[in-house]
Amino acid sequence: MMKTNYHISLVIEDALNNKREKLTKLFKDETGKFLSDKEAREVLLVYKNKGYKLIPFCSAEECPHFDHITGCPGHKENETR
């Protein structure tokens, strides 16, 4: 039997509009330090201005066909019992 797995993603607009939650554990800089809430929101605005609706919570290797408008297309996998 085949099953389909989907990677989760973040809806950029929802994250930007949510002022109650801090986005401090979302992105890291090149040194590995987490970005501040303000810095993370700036990153999300860059993606939004590119026309992206979603960003993945996985690497490009894990989901090579991720679409920034529709999300993960799903990955077929053999289900073992």
N, C-alpha and C. Protein backbone atom coordinates (compact mmCIF):
# COMPACT_ATOMS: atom_id res chain seq x y z
N MET A 1 0.85 -1.16 0.00
CA MET A 1 0.00 0.00 0.00
C MET A 1 0.90 1.24 0.00
N MET A 2 0.50 2.26 -0.76
CA MET A 2 1.26 3.51 -0.83
C MET A 2 0.63 4.56 0.07
N LYS A 3 1.46 5.35 0.68
CA LYS A 3 0.97 6.50 1.44
C LYS A 3 1.69 7.73 0.94
N THR A 4 1.13 8.90 1.23
CA THR A 4 1.74 10.15 0.81
C THR A 4 2.06 10.99 2.04
N ASN A 5 3.30 11.39 2.15
CA ASN A 5 3.74 12.27 3.24
C ASN A 5 3.84 13.69 2.70
N TYR A 6 3.50 14.66 3.55
CA TYR A 6 3.59 16.07 3.20
C TYR A 6 4.43 16.79 4.23
N HIS A 7 5.30 17.68 3.76
CA HIS A 7 6.08 18.53 4.66
C HIS A 7 5.23 19.74 5.06
N ILE A 8 5.41 20.19 6.29
CA ILE A 8 4.65 21.35 6.74
C ILE A 8 5.35 22.63 6.30
N SER A 9 4.59 23.71 6.28
CA SER A 9 5.15 25.00 5.88
C SER A 9 4.51 26.10 6.71
N LEU A 10 5.13 27.25 6.67
CA LEU A 10 4.65 28.42 7.40
C LEU A 10 3.96 29.35 6.42
N VAL A 11 2.76 29.80 6.76
CA VAL A 11 2.05 30.79 5.95
C VAL A 11 2.61 32.16 6.34
N ILE A 12 3.30 32.78 5.40
CA ILE A 12 4.02 34.03 5.68
C ILE A 12 3.08 35.11 6.20
N GLU A 13 1.97 35.31 5.53
CA GLU A 13 1.04 36.38 5.91
C GLU A 13 0.53 36.18 7.34
N ASP A 14 0.21 34.94 7.69
CA ASP A 14 -0.28 34.66 9.05
C ASP A 14 0.80 34.96 10.09
N ALA A 15 2.03 34.57 9.81
CA ALA A 15 3.13 34.83 10.75
C ALA A 15 3.35 36.33 10.94
N LEU A 16 3.29 37.07 9.84
CA LEU A 16 3.49 38.52 9.94
C LEU A 16 2.35 39.21 10.68
N ASN A 17 1.14 38.72 10.53
CA ASN A 17 -0.02 39.34 11.17
C ASN A 17 -0.16 38.97 12.64
N ASN A 18 0.48 37.88 13.08
CA ASN A 18 0.38 37.43 14.45
C ASN A 18 1.36 38.21 15.31
N LYS A 19 0.87 39.19 16.01
CA LYS A 19 1.73 40.03 16.85
C LYS A 19 1.91 39.46 18.26
N ARG A 20 1.07 38.49 18.63
CA ARG A 20 1.16 37.91 19.98
C ARG A 20 2.33 36.96 20.11
N GLU A 21 2.68 36.29 19.02
CA GLU A 21 3.77 35.30 19.05
C GLU A 21 5.05 35.92 18.52
N LYS A 22 6.12 35.72 19.24
CA LYS A 22 7.43 36.17 18.78
C LYS A 22 8.01 35.14 17.82
N LEU A 23 8.69 35.60 16.81
CA LEU A 23 9.27 34.72 15.79
C LEU A 23 10.77 34.53 16.03
N THR A 24 11.15 34.44 17.29
CA THR A 24 12.57 34.43 17.66
C THR A 24 13.27 33.09 17.42
N LYS A 25 12.56 32.02 17.22
CA LYS A 25 13.21 30.72 17.00
C LYS A 25 12.97 30.21 15.58
N LEU A 26 12.77 31.12 14.65
CA LEU A 26 12.41 30.74 13.29
C LEU A 26 13.62 30.67 12.36
N PHE A 27 14.51 31.65 12.44
CA PHE A 27 15.66 31.71 11.55
C PHE A 27 16.94 31.89 12.34
N LYS A 28 18.04 31.39 11.75
CA LYS A 28 19.38 31.60 12.33
C LYS A 28 20.22 32.36 11.31
N ASP A 29 21.19 33.12 11.84
CA ASP A 29 22.12 33.80 10.94
C ASP A 29 23.26 32.85 10.59
N GLU A 30 24.25 33.33 9.85
CA GLU A 30 25.35 32.48 9.40
C GLU A 30 26.22 31.96 10.54
N THR A 31 26.13 32.58 11.72
CA THR A 31 26.91 32.11 12.88
C THR A 31 26.13 31.10 13.73
N GLY A 32 24.85 30.89 13.38
CA GLY A 32 24.03 29.97 14.15
C GLY A 32 23.19 30.63 15.22
N LYS A 33 23.28 31.95 15.34
CA LYS A 33 22.49 32.69 16.34
C LYS A 33 21.08 32.93 15.80
N PHE A 34 20.09 32.72 16.66
CA PHE A 34 18.71 32.97 16.25
C PHE A 34 18.49 34.46 16.01
N LEU A 35 17.71 34.78 14.97
CA LEU A 35 17.36 36.16 14.68
C LEU A 35 16.34 36.66 15.68
N SER A 36 16.35 37.96 15.92
CA SER A 36 15.33 38.57 16.78
C SER A 36 13.98 38.54 16.08
N ASP A 37 12.94 38.83 16.81
CA ASP A 37 11.60 38.89 16.22
C ASP A 37 11.57 39.89 15.06
N LYS A 38 12.14 41.06 15.27
CA LYS A 38 12.16 42.09 14.23
C LYS A 38 12.91 41.61 12.99
N GLU A 39 14.07 40.99 13.20
CA GLU A 39 14.87 40.49 12.08
C GLU A 39 14.14 39.38 11.32
N ALA A 40 13.48 38.49 12.06
CA ALA A 40 12.73 37.40 11.42
C ALA A 40 11.58 37.96 10.58
N ARG A 41 10.89 38.96 11.10
CA ARG A 41 9.81 39.59 10.34
C ARG A 41 10.34 40.27 9.07
N GLU A 42 11.53 40.81 9.14
CA GLU A 42 12.16 41.42 7.96
C GLU A 42 12.46 40.36 6.90
N VAL A 43 12.94 39.19 7.34
CA VAL A 43 13.19 38.08 6.42
C VAL A 43 11.89 37.66 5.75
N LEU A 44 10.84 37.52 6.55
CA LEU A 44 9.55 37.12 5.99
C LEU A 44 9.03 38.15 4.99
N LEU A 45 9.25 39.42 5.25
CA LEU A 45 8.84 40.47 4.31
C LEU A 45 9.58 40.35 2.98
N VAL A 46 10.85 39.97 3.02
CA VAL A 46 11.62 39.76 1.79
C VAL A 46 10.96 38.65 0.97
N TYR A 47 10.62 37.53 1.63
CA TYR A 47 9.96 36.43 0.93
C TYR A 47 8.60 36.86 0.40
N LYS A 48 7.85 37.58 1.20
CA LYS A 48 6.52 38.04 0.78
C LYS A 48 6.64 38.94 -0.46
N ASN A 49 7.63 39.83 -0.46
CA ASN A 49 7.83 40.73 -1.59
C ASN A 49 8.27 40.00 -2.86
N LYS A 50 8.80 38.79 -2.70
CA LYS A 50 9.14 37.96 -3.86
C LYS A 50 7.90 37.24 -4.40
N GLY A 51 6.77 37.36 -3.68
CA GLY A 51 5.55 36.70 -4.11
C GLY A 51 5.30 35.36 -3.43
N TYR A 52 6.18 34.99 -2.49
CA TYR A 52 6.01 33.72 -1.78
C TYR A 52 4.82 33.82 -0.83
N LYS A 53 4.07 32.74 -0.72
CA LYS A 53 2.98 32.62 0.26
C LYS A 53 3.40 31.74 1.43
N LEU A 54 4.29 30.78 1.16
CA LEU A 54 4.70 29.76 2.14
C LEU A 54 6.21 29.62 2.15
N ILE A 55 6.75 29.22 3.31
CA ILE A 55 8.13 28.79 3.38
C ILE A 55 8.14 27.41 4.05
N PRO A 56 9.01 26.52 3.60
CA PRO A 56 9.01 25.15 4.12
C PRO A 56 9.68 25.04 5.48
N PHE A 57 9.27 24.02 6.24
CA PHE A 57 9.94 23.67 7.49
C PHE A 57 10.81 22.43 7.26
N CYS A 58 11.47 22.40 6.12
CA CYS A 58 12.36 21.29 5.78
C CYS A 58 13.40 21.82 4.80
N SER A 59 14.40 21.03 4.51
CA SER A 59 15.44 21.44 3.58
C SER A 59 15.00 21.21 2.14
N ALA A 60 15.71 21.82 1.22
CA ALA A 60 15.44 21.61 -0.20
C ALA A 60 15.71 20.16 -0.60
N GLU A 61 16.63 19.50 0.08
CA GLU A 61 16.91 18.09 -0.22
C GLU A 61 15.74 17.20 0.19
N GLU A 62 15.08 17.55 1.29
CA GLU A 62 13.95 16.76 1.76
C GLU A 62 12.71 16.96 0.89
N CYS A 63 12.57 18.15 0.33
CA CYS A 63 11.38 18.47 -0.47
C CYS A 63 11.82 19.30 -1.67
N PRO A 64 12.43 18.63 -2.67
CA PRO A 64 13.00 19.36 -3.80
C PRO A 64 11.97 20.06 -4.69
N HIS A 65 10.73 19.65 -4.61
CA HIS A 65 9.70 20.24 -5.47
C HIS A 65 8.75 21.14 -4.69
N PHE A 66 9.19 21.64 -3.54
CA PHE A 66 8.36 22.55 -2.74
C PHE A 66 8.01 23.77 -3.58
N ASP A 67 6.73 24.16 -3.54
CA ASP A 67 6.25 25.33 -4.25
C ASP A 67 5.88 26.40 -3.22
N HIS A 68 6.40 27.60 -3.38
CA HIS A 68 6.18 28.66 -2.39
C HIS A 68 4.78 29.26 -2.46
N ILE A 69 3.95 28.78 -3.37
CA ILE A 69 2.55 29.20 -3.44
C ILE A 69 1.64 28.09 -2.93
N THR A 70 1.89 26.86 -3.36
CA THR A 70 1.00 25.75 -3.01
C THR A 70 1.56 24.81 -1.94
N GLY A 71 2.86 24.88 -1.65
CA GLY A 71 3.46 24.05 -0.62
C GLY A 71 4.03 22.75 -1.14
N CYS A 72 4.13 21.78 -0.26
CA CYS A 72 4.70 20.48 -0.57
C CYS A 72 3.74 19.69 -1.45
N PRO A 73 4.23 19.14 -2.57
CA PRO A 73 3.36 18.37 -3.44
C PRO A 73 3.06 16.96 -2.92
N GLY A 74 3.74 16.56 -1.88
CA GLY A 74 3.55 15.21 -1.33
C GLY A 74 4.61 14.26 -1.86
N HIS A 75 4.90 13.25 -1.06
CA HIS A 75 5.93 12.28 -1.41
C HIS A 75 5.36 10.88 -1.19
N LYS A 76 5.27 10.11 -2.27
CA LYS A 76 4.75 8.74 -2.16
C LYS A 76 5.78 7.86 -1.47
N GLU A 77 5.26 6.98 -0.65
CA GLU A 77 6.13 6.10 0.12
C GLU A 77 5.42 4.77 0.31
N ASN A 78 6.17 3.68 0.21
CA ASN A 78 5.58 2.37 0.48
C ASN A 78 5.28 2.25 1.95
N GLU A 79 4.07 1.83 2.26
CA GLU A 79 3.67 1.65 3.65
C GLU A 79 3.94 0.19 4.03
N THR A 80 4.71 -0.02 5.09
CA THR A 80 4.99 -1.38 5.54
C THR A 80 4.19 -1.65 6.81
N ARG A 81 3.77 -2.87 6.93
CA ARG A 81 2.97 -3.26 8.10
C ARG A 81 3.69 -4.29 8.90
